[in-house]
Amino acid sequence: MGTADFKWYAIYVKSRHEAVAYGQLQQRGVESYLPLIRKSRQWKDRKKVVEFPLFPGYLFVHVNPGPSEFVNVLKAKGVVSLVSGEQGAPLPVPDPEINSLKIMMEKGSGLDIYPSLQEGVRVMVMRGPLKGASGVIVRKQDGYVLAVNIDILGRSIAVRLFAEDIDTV
């Protein structure tokens, strides 16, 4: 099998072991993705910006689907299981979801969106720093945002953007 056969999978890790598991997987030569966000934290004596996993308890691996590759992932310190379906087989995360997630994590920022766009419409970003990301228009608080779902985790991230940069899919 070549690299074209590789698929992304979500893995579940022990609580607060995302970075440990990520490091272990890197040492094993497994392509991994741990999306991190920066949050400001206040302690008694100081305030600091700290990185946290976007999806606590989860990270992603890019492997050839097969028992030996899955066992290699599962043996990494901190890894609990691969996210699986009803039959117990690991569920791949579609490439467009991972690609959109990466684009939004690397280039996303708070932008405005025109309220004339309809909720629930799937769109693709055609221009700007988020070009290539796709998602669904959702209403959040007083505006509209583009949401990218990682369906098998039941989680999503959202970003504000300019309406002229998107088109319906």
Protein backbone atom coordinates (compact mmCIF):
# COMPACT_ATOMS: atom_id res chain seq x y z
CA MET A 1 0.00 0.00 0.00
CA GLY A 2 1.23 3.49 -0.79
CA THR A 3 0.70 6.74 1.07
CA ALA A 4 -2.44 7.30 -1.01
CA ASP A 5 -4.00 4.44 0.99
CA PHE A 6 -3.34 6.20 4.30
CA LYS A 7 -6.39 7.43 6.19
CA TRP A 8 -6.89 9.75 9.14
CA TYR A 9 -8.24 8.24 12.35
CA ALA A 10 -9.22 9.85 15.64
CA ILE A 11 -7.73 8.28 18.72
CA TYR A 12 -8.90 8.59 22.29
CA VAL A 13 -6.18 9.20 24.90
CA LYS A 14 -6.03 9.23 28.69
CA SER A 15 -7.08 12.46 30.37
CA ARG A 16 -4.40 15.14 29.93
CA HIS A 17 -2.15 12.78 27.96
CA GLU A 18 -2.62 14.35 24.53
CA ALA A 19 0.94 15.73 24.34
CA VAL A 20 2.47 12.52 25.74
CA ALA A 21 0.63 10.36 23.21
CA TYR A 22 1.50 12.80 20.40
CA GLY A 23 5.21 12.61 21.30
CA GLN A 24 5.12 8.83 21.52
CA LEU A 25 3.43 8.55 18.13
CA GLN A 26 6.01 10.88 16.57
CA GLN A 27 8.82 8.69 18.01
CA ARG A 28 7.15 5.65 16.43
CA GLY A 29 7.10 7.39 13.04
CA VAL A 30 3.31 7.78 12.99
CA GLU A 31 2.08 10.97 11.35
CA SER A 32 -0.05 12.65 14.01
CA TYR A 33 -2.05 15.84 14.35
CA LEU A 34 -2.83 17.49 17.67
CA PRO A 35 -4.71 20.77 17.09
CA LEU A 36 -3.92 23.22 19.91
CA ILE A 37 -5.55 26.48 20.93
CA ARG A 38 -4.12 29.25 23.09
CA LYS A 39 -6.00 30.34 26.19
CA SER A 40 -5.13 32.86 28.83
CA ARG A 41 -4.89 31.39 32.34
CA GLN A 42 -4.74 33.30 35.62
CA TRP A 43 -2.84 32.01 38.64
CA LYS A 44 -2.53 33.78 41.98
CA ASP A 45 0.80 35.36 41.08
CA ARG A 46 0.73 35.57 37.27
CA LYS A 47 -1.21 35.38 34.05
CA LYS A 48 0.03 33.23 31.16
CA VAL A 49 -1.09 32.13 27.70
CA VAL A 50 -1.14 28.32 27.58
CA GLU A 51 -1.80 25.89 24.74
CA PHE A 52 -4.64 23.39 25.20
CA PRO A 53 -5.90 20.61 22.93
CA LEU A 54 -8.79 21.76 20.75
CA PHE A 55 -10.48 18.42 21.34
CA PRO A 56 -9.48 17.31 24.86
CA GLY A 57 -8.88 13.58 24.98
CA TYR A 58 -8.41 13.18 21.22
CA LEU A 59 -5.82 13.51 18.50
CA PHE A 60 -5.53 12.26 14.94
CA VAL A 61 -3.21 9.77 13.23
CA HIS A 62 -2.59 9.21 9.52
CA VAL A 63 -1.92 5.52 8.92
CA ASN A 64 -2.41 2.67 6.50
CA PRO A 65 -5.55 0.91 7.74
CA GLY A 66 -4.55 -2.48 9.04
CA PRO A 67 -3.97 -4.45 12.22
CA SER A 68 -0.21 -3.87 12.48
CA GLU A 69 -0.54 -0.09 12.08
CA PHE A 70 -3.44 0.08 14.54
CA VAL A 71 -1.48 -1.98 17.11
CA ASN A 72 1.52 0.34 16.67
CA VAL A 73 -0.76 3.31 17.47
CA LEU A 74 -2.44 1.56 20.41
CA LYS A 75 0.91 0.68 22.03
CA ALA A 76 1.90 4.35 22.32
CA LYS A 77 1.87 5.63 25.90
CA GLY A 78 -1.38 7.39 26.77
CA VAL A 79 -3.41 5.98 23.87
CA VAL A 80 -6.65 4.28 24.97
CA SER A 81 -8.38 3.37 21.70
CA LEU A 82 -9.17 4.29 18.13
CA VAL A 83 -12.57 5.91 17.68
CA SER A 84 -14.67 3.08 16.27
CA GLY A 85 -18.12 2.46 14.85
CA GLU A 86 -20.84 0.09 15.97
CA GLN A 87 -19.00 -2.94 14.57
CA GLY A 88 -15.83 -2.08 16.50
CA ALA A 89 -13.84 -1.20 13.37
CA PRO A 90 -11.91 2.10 13.50
CA LEU A 91 -13.74 4.86 11.61
CA PRO A 92 -11.67 6.99 9.26
CA VAL A 93 -12.04 10.76 9.45
CA PRO A 94 -12.66 12.12 5.92
CA ASP A 95 -9.66 13.98 4.47
CA PRO A 96 -11.71 17.15 3.77
CA GLU A 97 -12.60 17.40 7.48
CA ILE A 98 -8.93 17.18 8.53
CA ASN A 99 -7.83 19.54 5.75
CA SER A 100 -10.47 22.11 6.72
CA LEU A 101 -9.55 21.76 10.38
CA LYS A 102 -5.86 22.34 9.59
CA ILE A 103 -6.62 25.39 7.44
CA MET A 104 -8.82 26.92 10.12
CA MET A 105 -6.30 26.20 12.88
CA GLU A 106 -3.39 27.65 10.91
CA LYS A 107 -5.04 30.70 9.39
CA GLY A 108 -8.34 31.30 11.17
CA SER A 109 -9.16 34.55 12.90
CA GLY A 110 -12.27 36.36 14.05
CA LEU A 111 -13.85 37.88 10.94
CA ASP A 112 -17.29 39.29 10.22
CA ILE A 113 -19.89 37.57 8.07
CA TYR A 114 -22.96 38.96 6.33
CA PRO A 115 -26.26 37.98 8.01
CA SER A 116 -27.96 37.28 4.65
CA LEU A 117 -26.36 33.82 4.50
CA GLN A 118 -28.65 30.98 5.52
CA GLU A 119 -28.06 28.66 8.44
CA GLY A 120 -27.35 25.04 7.58
CA VAL A 121 -25.93 25.76 4.10
CA ARG A 122 -22.68 23.92 3.30
CA VAL A 123 -20.09 26.34 1.92
CA MET A 124 -16.50 26.34 0.68
CA VAL A 125 -14.08 29.20 1.32
CA MET A 126 -12.99 30.41 -2.12
CA ARG A 127 -10.67 33.30 -1.22
CA GLY A 128 -8.63 34.60 1.66
CA PRO A 129 -6.49 32.86 4.27
CA LEU A 130 -9.05 30.07 4.80
CA LYS A 131 -9.24 29.12 1.10
CA GLY A 132 -10.05 25.42 0.71
CA ALA A 133 -11.82 24.98 4.05
CA SER A 134 -15.43 23.83 3.93
CA GLY A 135 -18.15 23.73 6.52
CA VAL A 136 -21.69 24.69 7.41
CA ILE A 137 -23.06 28.16 8.20
CA VAL A 138 -24.37 28.29 11.77
CA ARG A 139 -25.76 31.05 13.96
CA LYS A 140 -23.73 31.84 17.05
CA GLN A 141 -24.73 34.58 19.48
CA ASP A 142 -25.26 37.72 17.39
CA GLY A 143 -23.74 36.60 14.09
CA TYR A 144 -23.04 33.78 11.68
CA VAL A 145 -19.97 31.60 11.51
CA LEU A 146 -18.51 28.79 9.43
CA ALA A 147 -18.44 25.54 11.42
CA VAL A 148 -16.24 22.60 10.54
CA ASN A 149 -17.48 19.35 12.05
CA ILE A 150 -15.36 16.39 12.97
CA ASP A 151 -18.42 14.13 12.78
CA ILE A 152 -17.09 11.00 14.47
CA LEU A 153 -16.04 13.02 17.54
CA GLY A 154 -19.32 14.92 17.63
CA ARG A 155 -17.31 18.14 17.85
CA SER A 156 -16.88 21.21 15.69
CA ILE A 157 -14.93 24.45 15.52
CA ALA A 158 -16.16 27.73 14.14
CA VAL A 159 -14.71 30.94 12.73
CA ARG A 160 -16.18 34.23 11.53
CA LEU A 161 -15.45 35.14 7.91
CA PHE A 162 -16.39 37.46 5.07
CA ALA A 163 -19.35 36.37 2.97
CA GLU A 164 -17.65 37.35 -0.28
CA ASP A 165 -14.96 34.73 0.44
CA ILE A 166 -17.37 31.78 0.43
CA ASP A 167 -19.61 29.97 -2.03
CA THR A 168 -22.17 27.20 -1.62
CA VAL A 169 -20.97 23.65 -2.28
